Amino acid sequence: QVQLVESGGGLVQPGGSLRLSCVASGTISRIVALGWYRQAPGTQREMVARITRGGSTDYADSVKGRFTISRDYAMNTVYLQMNDLKPDDTAIYYCNARSEFVEDYWGQGSQVTVSS
C-alpha cells in the first residue's frame, strides 16, 4: 500500500506560479512512476505530467513549457512547478503513484484556482 499527501494548492492570478508537493509513504520501493492528474468540473480526469523511477518525463501538450515535474531520488516526494498559469488550468490536482503491479494510488486532491 502507498499513501499520498499533497500540499501547495491555492488561488493565483493568471500568469502566476504555484508549486504542488506530494509525499508518499508505505511500500515506496514498488513505485515505478509518480505523476499529477487534474479534473475540472464536468470533465474527465486527465494526465498533466508523470515521471518514472528512471527519470523519464511526459507532459500533456497543454502544459508543455509551463509545468515541470520533478522527484527526489528515493521516489518519496514528487513536485509540480506550475508557471504562467492560465484560467484553463483551474482544477483539482491529484497526485498519483503507480506500482510495478500496475496499481494506482491517489492523493486527496488539491484545488488550484487561476483567476483575477
C-alpha atoms as a PDB file:
ATOM      1  CA  GLN A   1       0.000   0.000   0.000  1.00  0.00           C
ATOM      2  CA  VAL A   2       1.063   3.560  -0.727  1.00  0.00           C
ATOM      3  CA  GLN A   3      -0.300   6.690   0.912  1.00  0.00           C
ATOM      4  CA  LEU A   4      -0.018  10.098  -0.763  1.00  0.00           C
ATOM      5  CA  VAL A   5      -0.395  13.504   0.899  1.00  0.00           C
ATOM      6  CA  GLU A   6      -0.482  16.633  -1.227  1.00  0.00           C
ATOM      7  CA  SER A   7       0.110  20.278  -0.416  1.00  0.00           C
ATOM      8  CA  GLY A   8       0.538  23.584  -2.222  1.00  0.00           C
ATOM      9  CA  GLY A   9      -2.721  24.379  -3.994  1.00  0.00           C
ATOM     10  CA  GLY A  10      -4.464  27.725  -3.822  1.00  0.00           C
ATOM     11  CA  LEU A  11      -5.661  30.806  -5.660  1.00  0.00           C
ATOM     12  CA  VAL A  12      -3.360  32.594  -8.094  1.00  0.00           C
ATOM     13  CA  GLN A  13      -3.755  35.273 -10.746  1.00  0.00           C
ATOM     14  CA  PRO A  14      -3.247  34.484 -14.438  1.00  0.00           C
ATOM     15  CA  GLY A  15       0.467  34.437 -15.232  1.00  0.00           C
ATOM     16  CA  GLY A  16       1.346  33.455 -11.679  1.00  0.00           C
ATOM     17  CA  SER A  17       3.069  30.364 -10.320  1.00  0.00           C
ATOM     18  CA  LEU A  18       2.331  27.610  -7.829  1.00  0.00           C
ATOM     19  CA  ARG A  19       4.230  24.562  -6.666  1.00  0.00           C
ATOM     20  CA  LEU A  20       2.481  21.359  -5.670  1.00  0.00           C
ATOM     21  CA  SER A  21       4.153  18.756  -3.475  1.00  0.00           C
ATOM     22  CA  CYS A  22       3.211  15.172  -2.751  1.00  0.00           C
ATOM     23  CA  VAL A  23       4.799  12.951  -0.114  1.00  0.00           C
ATOM     24  CA  ALA A  24       4.500   9.191  -0.488  1.00  0.00           C
ATOM     25  CA  SER A  25       4.721   6.671   2.336  1.00  0.00           C
ATOM     26  CA  GLY A  26       4.254   2.935   2.652  1.00  0.00           C
ATOM     27  CA  THR A  27       5.657   0.473   0.112  1.00  0.00           C
ATOM     28  CA  ILE A  28       7.624   3.071  -1.817  1.00  0.00           C
ATOM     29  CA  SER A  29      10.043   0.517  -3.276  1.00  0.00           C
ATOM     30  CA  ARG A  30       7.265  -0.775  -5.545  1.00  0.00           C
ATOM     31  CA  ILE A  31       6.554   2.622  -7.126  1.00  0.00           C
ATOM     32  CA  VAL A  32       7.660   2.807 -10.764  1.00  0.00           C
ATOM     33  CA  ALA A  33       6.151   6.179 -11.653  1.00  0.00           C
ATOM     34  CA  LEU A  34       4.774   9.287  -9.968  1.00  0.00           C
ATOM     35  CA  GLY A  35       2.515  11.788 -11.617  1.00  0.00           C
ATOM     36  CA  TRP A  36      -0.030  14.557 -11.450  1.00  0.00           C
ATOM     37  CA  TYR A  37      -3.531  14.464 -12.887  1.00  0.00           C
ATOM     38  CA  ARG A  38      -6.268  17.081 -12.823  1.00  0.00           C
ATOM     39  CA  GLN A  39     -10.009  17.215 -13.084  1.00  0.00           C
ATOM     40  CA  ALA A  40     -12.090  20.304 -13.796  1.00  0.00           C
ATOM     41  CA  PRO A  41     -15.866  20.375 -13.152  1.00  0.00           C
ATOM     42  CA  GLY A  42     -17.757  18.401 -15.789  1.00  0.00           C
ATOM     43  CA  THR A  43     -14.628  16.880 -17.319  1.00  0.00           C
ATOM     44  CA  GLN A  44     -12.722  13.617 -17.056  1.00  0.00           C
ATOM     45  CA  ARG A  45      -9.542  13.342 -15.057  1.00  0.00           C
ATOM     46  CA  GLU A  46      -6.539  13.919 -17.325  1.00  0.00           C
ATOM     47  CA  MET A  47      -2.826  13.332 -17.028  1.00  0.00           C
ATOM     48  CA  VAL A  48      -0.810  16.505 -16.528  1.00  0.00           C
ATOM     49  CA  ALA A  49       2.713  15.168 -16.022  1.00  0.00           C
ATOM     50  CA  ARG A  50       4.441  11.998 -14.897  1.00  0.00           C
ATOM     51  CA  ILE A  51       7.955  10.861 -14.122  1.00  0.00           C
ATOM     52  CA  THR A  52       9.389   7.371 -13.932  1.00  0.00           C
ATOM     53  CA  ARG A  53      11.855   5.935 -11.461  1.00  0.00           C
ATOM     54  CA  GLY A  54      14.456   6.255 -14.229  1.00  0.00           C
ATOM     55  CA  GLY A  55      13.720   9.960 -14.620  1.00  0.00           C
ATOM     56  CA  SER A  56      11.793   9.939 -17.898  1.00  0.00           C
ATOM     57  CA  THR A  57       9.061  12.563 -18.059  1.00  0.00           C
ATOM     58  CA  ASP A  58       5.852  13.003 -20.006  1.00  0.00           C
ATOM     59  CA  TYR A  59       3.612  16.082 -20.192  1.00  0.00           C
ATOM     60  CA  ALA A  60       0.192  16.951 -21.538  1.00  0.00           C
ATOM     61  CA  ASP A  61       0.515  19.189 -24.584  1.00  0.00           C
ATOM     62  CA  SER A  62      -1.427  21.947 -22.820  1.00  0.00           C
ATOM     63  CA  VAL A  63       1.221  22.350 -20.102  1.00  0.00           C
ATOM     64  CA  LYS A  64       4.473  21.759 -22.005  1.00  0.00           C
ATOM     65  CA  GLY A  65       6.909  24.590 -21.449  1.00  0.00           C
ATOM     66  CA  ARG A  66       4.989  25.876 -18.424  1.00  0.00           C
ATOM     67  CA  PHE A  67       4.918  22.984 -15.923  1.00  0.00           C
ATOM     68  CA  THR A  68       7.854  20.947 -14.631  1.00  0.00           C
ATOM     69  CA  ILE A  69       7.628  17.673 -12.727  1.00  0.00           C
ATOM     70  CA  SER A  70      10.469  16.510 -10.515  1.00  0.00           C
ATOM     71  CA  ARG A  71      11.013  13.960  -7.770  1.00  0.00           C
ATOM     72  CA  ASP A  72      13.591  13.073  -5.184  1.00  0.00           C
ATOM     73  CA  TYR A  73      15.831  10.080  -5.841  1.00  0.00           C
ATOM     74  CA  ALA A  74      14.069   7.909  -3.278  1.00  0.00           C
ATOM     75  CA  MET A  75      10.744   8.383  -5.091  1.00  0.00           C
ATOM     76  CA  ASN A  76       9.000   9.500  -1.917  1.00  0.00           C
ATOM     77  CA  THR A  77       8.330  13.101  -2.942  1.00  0.00           C
ATOM     78  CA  VAL A  78       7.112  14.492  -6.249  1.00  0.00           C
ATOM     79  CA  TYR A  79       6.715  18.153  -7.184  1.00  0.00           C
ATOM     80  CA  LEU A  80       4.862  20.031  -9.870  1.00  0.00           C
ATOM     81  CA  GLN A  81       6.134  23.530 -10.589  1.00  0.00           C
ATOM     82  CA  MET A  82       3.446  25.427 -12.464  1.00  0.00           C
ATOM     83  CA  ASN A  83       4.377  28.699 -14.182  1.00  0.00           C
ATOM     84  CA  ASP A  84       2.435  31.097 -16.407  1.00  0.00           C
ATOM     85  CA  LEU A  85      -0.828  29.701 -15.067  1.00  0.00           C
ATOM     86  CA  LYS A  86      -3.984  30.219 -17.101  1.00  0.00           C
ATOM     87  CA  PRO A  87      -7.675  30.121 -16.121  1.00  0.00           C
ATOM     88  CA  ASP A  88      -7.970  26.806 -18.024  1.00  0.00           C
ATOM     89  CA  ASP A  89      -5.542  25.293 -15.503  1.00  0.00           C
ATOM     90  CA  THR A  90      -8.204  25.638 -12.798  1.00  0.00           C
ATOM     91  CA  ALA A  91      -8.948  22.149 -11.478  1.00  0.00           C
ATOM     92  CA  ILE A  92      -8.444  19.737  -8.627  1.00  0.00           C
ATOM     93  CA  TYR A  93      -4.953  18.302  -8.955  1.00  0.00           C
ATOM     94  CA  TYR A  94      -4.322  14.720  -7.836  1.00  0.00           C
ATOM     95  CA  CYS A  95      -1.019  13.084  -7.092  1.00  0.00           C
ATOM     96  CA  ASN A  96      -0.658   9.552  -8.484  1.00  0.00           C
ATOM     97  CA  ALA A  97       1.689   6.685  -7.777  1.00  0.00           C
ATOM     98  CA  ARG A  98       1.790   3.591  -9.957  1.00  0.00           C
ATOM     99  CA  SER A  99       3.268   0.360  -8.649  1.00  0.00           C
ATOM    100  CA  GLU A 100       5.157  -2.354 -10.519  1.00  0.00           C
ATOM    101  CA  PHE A 101       1.901  -4.349 -10.391  1.00  0.00           C
ATOM    102  CA  VAL A 102       0.063  -1.541 -12.250  1.00  0.00           C
ATOM    103  CA  GLU A 103      -1.821  -0.479  -9.131  1.00  0.00           C
ATOM    104  CA  ASP A 104      -2.759   3.196  -8.950  1.00  0.00           C
ATOM    105  CA  TYR A 105      -2.763   5.165  -5.717  1.00  0.00           C
ATOM    106  CA  TRP A 106      -4.190   8.673  -5.380  1.00  0.00           C
ATOM    107  CA  GLY A 107      -3.758  11.675  -3.150  1.00  0.00           C
ATOM    108  CA  GLN A 108      -6.663  13.558  -1.637  1.00  0.00           C
ATOM    109  CA  GLY A 109      -6.631  16.303  -4.277  1.00  0.00           C
ATOM    110  CA  SER A 110      -5.577  19.951  -4.148  1.00  0.00           C
ATOM    111  CA  GLN A 111      -7.655  22.782  -5.552  1.00  0.00           C
ATOM    112  CA  VAL A 112      -5.850  25.124  -7.932  1.00  0.00           C
ATOM    113  CA  THR A 113      -7.812  28.206  -8.993  1.00  0.00           C
ATOM    114  CA  VAL A 114      -6.460  30.672 -11.546  1.00  0.00           C
ATOM    115  CA  SER A 115      -8.499  33.852 -11.546  1.00  0.00           C
ATOM    116  CA  SER A 116      -8.104  37.607 -11.472  1.00  0.00           C
END
